[in-house]
Amino acid sequence: MPPCDGANYNHLVNFLSEAPTGTVAELWKVTALETAMNLGIQSIWLSTADPGVSWLRLRINSKPKFYRYAPYRLSSS
């Protein structure tokens, strides 16, 4: 979902340094809850990469989608 407050959070560093503290805390809270729900069920890959969008996106996948580091990218093959 694109930001609705007009802020430019196109990168995690921008978000962490510019977003309101409560918004940053909420992101990590939701991320932790979603990750915890999937632990032990399957492999979990957390990433902010997505070349198809121009805003920060945090994704939790069962495969290393959009990872560039070869050992990680190849681990799901």
Protein backbone atom coordinates (compact mmCIF):
# COMPACT_ATOMS: atom_id res chain seq x y z
CA MET A 1 0.00 0.00 0.00
CA PRO A 2 1.48 3.38 -0.91
CA PRO A 3 1.91 5.95 1.83
CA CYS A 4 -1.17 8.09 2.37
CA ASP A 5 0.51 10.91 4.29
CA GLY A 6 2.49 12.25 1.30
CA ALA A 7 5.82 11.18 2.80
CA ASN A 8 8.52 9.65 0.62
CA TYR A 9 9.25 6.31 2.25
CA ASN A 10 10.86 4.70 -0.76
CA HIS A 11 13.54 3.00 1.30
CA LEU A 12 13.70 1.44 4.76
CA VAL A 13 16.30 3.97 5.93
CA ASN A 14 14.05 6.87 4.91
CA PHE A 15 11.13 5.33 6.75
CA LEU A 16 13.09 4.63 9.93
CA SER A 17 14.56 8.13 10.06
CA GLU A 18 11.55 10.18 8.89
CA ALA A 19 8.34 8.38 9.87
CA PRO A 20 6.60 9.10 13.17
CA THR A 21 7.87 6.87 15.97
CA GLY A 22 4.46 5.26 16.43
CA THR A 23 4.28 4.36 12.75
CA VAL A 24 7.72 2.71 12.86
CA ALA A 25 6.76 0.81 16.01
CA GLU A 26 3.53 -0.39 14.38
CA LEU A 27 5.43 -1.67 11.33
CA TRP A 28 7.76 -3.76 13.51
CA LYS A 29 4.86 -4.95 15.68
CA VAL A 30 2.87 -6.21 12.68
CA THR A 31 6.02 -7.70 11.13
CA ALA A 32 6.82 -9.57 14.36
CA LEU A 33 3.27 -10.89 14.69
CA GLU A 34 3.09 -12.05 11.07
CA THR A 35 6.51 -13.67 11.30
CA ALA A 36 5.66 -15.41 14.58
CA MET A 37 2.48 -16.84 13.03
CA ASN A 38 4.58 -18.55 10.34
CA LEU A 39 7.56 -19.73 12.39
CA GLY A 40 7.91 -23.48 12.33
CA ILE A 41 5.40 -23.85 9.51
CA GLN A 42 7.69 -22.99 6.61
CA SER A 43 10.84 -21.11 5.72
CA ILE A 44 10.36 -17.38 6.07
CA TRP A 45 12.07 -14.71 3.99
CA LEU A 46 11.76 -11.06 4.98
CA SER A 47 12.56 -8.45 2.37
CA THR A 48 11.96 -4.81 1.47
CA ALA A 49 12.88 -5.33 -2.19
CA ASP A 50 10.25 -5.09 -4.90
CA PRO A 51 11.21 -3.50 -8.19
CA GLY A 52 7.54 -3.13 -9.13
CA VAL A 53 6.69 -0.46 -6.54
CA SER A 54 8.23 2.91 -5.71
CA TRP A 55 7.48 2.93 -1.98
CA LEU A 56 8.71 0.91 0.96
CA ARG A 57 7.23 -2.53 1.05
CA LEU A 58 7.98 -5.17 3.63
CA ARG A 59 7.24 -8.66 2.41
CA ILE A 60 7.22 -12.01 4.16
CA ASN A 61 7.50 -14.87 1.68
CA SER A 62 8.09 -18.59 1.69
CA LYS A 63 10.74 -18.11 -1.03
CA PRO A 64 13.57 -15.56 -1.34
CA LYS A 65 11.81 -13.43 -3.95
CA PHE A 66 13.89 -10.50 -5.27
CA TYR A 67 16.99 -11.52 -3.29
CA ARG A 68 20.21 -10.71 -5.18
CA TYR A 69 22.67 -12.55 -2.94
CA ALA A 70 23.20 -15.84 -4.80
CA PRO A 71 23.49 -18.23 -1.80
CA TYR A 72 20.11 -16.97 -0.51
CA ARG A 73 18.50 -16.87 -3.94
CA LEU A 74 19.60 -20.43 -4.71
CA SER A 75 18.62 -21.85 -1.31
CA SER A 76 15.02 -22.39 -2.40
CA SER A 77 15.94 -24.22 -5.60
